[in-house]
C-alpha cells in the first residue's frame, strides 16, 4: 500500500470514524433523554451519512483500484476540513 493510502486509512480509521461515532453516541443519548433540539436531530442524520461515506473511503482503499492522486485529494480535503473546524 502506498504511503498516501496508509495515511488516509489511518486518518479515517483512527481519527475520523472514532470521532464521528463518539459524537453520534452523545447525540443518541440526547435523543433517548428527549433533550435534543432540531439541530441535534439534523446532526444525527448528517453524522450517520458522514460515517457511511468514511466507511466507503475505507472500502475504496481496500479495493486498491484508485490512483494515488485521488487518495491524496481525499486526504487533503479531510485534513483541510479538520483544520478549518479547529479554528
Protein backbone atom coordinates (compact mmCIF):
# COMPACT_ATOMS: atom_id res chain seq x y z
CA UNK A 1 0.00 0.00 0.00
CA UNK A 2 1.33 3.42 -0.89
CA UNK A 3 2.19 5.97 1.77
CA UNK A 4 -0.78 8.22 0.95
CA UNK A 5 -3.20 5.30 1.19
CA UNK A 6 -1.72 4.38 4.58
CA UNK A 7 -2.04 7.99 5.77
CA UNK A 8 -5.62 8.27 4.52
CA UNK A 9 -6.61 4.92 6.01
CA UNK A 10 -5.09 5.90 9.36
CA UNK A 11 -6.80 9.30 9.32
CA UNK A 12 -10.18 7.75 8.56
CA UNK A 13 -9.93 4.65 10.79
CA UNK A 14 -8.19 6.15 13.79
CA UNK A 15 -9.26 9.78 13.59
CA UNK A 16 -12.48 10.47 11.79
CA UNK A 17 -14.56 7.35 12.43
CA UNK A 18 -13.97 7.26 16.21
CA UNK A 19 -14.79 10.97 16.49
CA UNK A 20 -17.97 10.64 14.42
CA UNK A 21 -19.05 7.57 16.40
CA UNK A 22 -18.42 9.34 19.72
CA UNK A 23 -20.41 12.38 18.59
CA UNK A 24 -23.24 10.12 17.40
CA UNK A 25 -23.24 8.36 20.78
CA UNK A 26 -23.62 11.73 22.51
CA UNK A 27 -26.43 12.72 20.17
CA UNK A 28 -28.23 9.42 20.69
CA UNK A 29 -28.08 9.99 24.46
CA UNK A 30 -29.76 13.36 23.96
CA UNK A 31 -32.41 11.70 21.79
CA UNK A 32 -33.01 8.96 24.36
CA UNK A 33 -33.41 11.55 27.11
CA UNK A 34 -35.66 13.71 24.94
CA UNK A 35 -33.29 16.67 25.26
CA UNK A 36 -32.48 17.06 21.58
CA UNK A 37 -33.00 20.19 19.53
CA UNK A 38 -33.92 20.28 15.86
CA UNK A 39 -30.24 20.95 15.16
CA UNK A 40 -29.30 17.79 17.07
CA UNK A 41 -31.75 15.73 15.02
CA UNK A 42 -30.26 17.14 11.82
CA UNK A 43 -26.75 16.47 13.15
CA UNK A 44 -27.62 12.79 13.68
CA UNK A 45 -28.65 12.45 10.05
CA UNK A 46 -25.56 14.27 8.83
CA UNK A 47 -23.18 12.31 11.06
CA UNK A 48 -24.72 8.99 10.02
CA UNK A 49 -24.23 9.98 6.38
CA UNK A 50 -20.65 11.02 7.07
CA UNK A 51 -19.96 7.71 8.79
CA UNK A 52 -21.21 5.83 5.71
CA UNK A 53 -19.01 7.99 3.47
CA UNK A 54 -15.98 7.31 5.66
CA UNK A 55 -16.68 3.58 5.52
CA UNK A 56 -16.91 3.90 1.74
CA UNK A 57 -13.49 5.56 1.68
CA UNK A 58 -12.07 2.57 3.56
CA UNK A 59 -13.74 0.19 1.10
CA UNK A 60 -12.19 2.04 -1.85
CA UNK A 61 -8.77 1.87 -0.20
CA UNK A 62 -9.18 -1.89 0.27
CA UNK A 63 -10.16 -2.34 -3.39
CA UNK A 64 -6.90 -0.63 -4.33
CA UNK A 65 -8.18 0.40 -7.78
CA UNK A 66 -7.84 4.17 -7.42
CA UNK A 67 -4.93 6.39 -8.35
CA UNK A 68 -2.77 7.76 -5.55
CA UNK A 69 -3.63 11.28 -6.72
CA UNK A 70 -7.27 10.64 -5.79
CA UNK A 71 -6.28 9.37 -2.35
CA UNK A 72 -4.16 12.49 -1.95
CA UNK A 73 -7.11 14.69 -2.96
CA UNK A 74 -9.36 12.99 -0.38
CA UNK A 75 -6.68 13.20 2.31
CA UNK A 76 -6.11 16.90 1.62
CA UNK A 77 -9.86 17.59 1.65
CA UNK A 78 -10.37 15.86 5.01
CA UNK A 79 -7.27 17.47 6.51
CA UNK A 80 -8.35 20.93 5.37
CA UNK A 81 -11.84 20.45 6.80
CA UNK A 82 -10.39 19.29 10.11
CA UNK A 83 -8.09 22.32 10.20
CA UNK A 84 -10.96 24.69 9.36
CA UNK A 85 -13.15 23.09 12.03
CA UNK A 86 -10.48 23.57 14.70
CA UNK A 87 -10.34 27.31 14.10
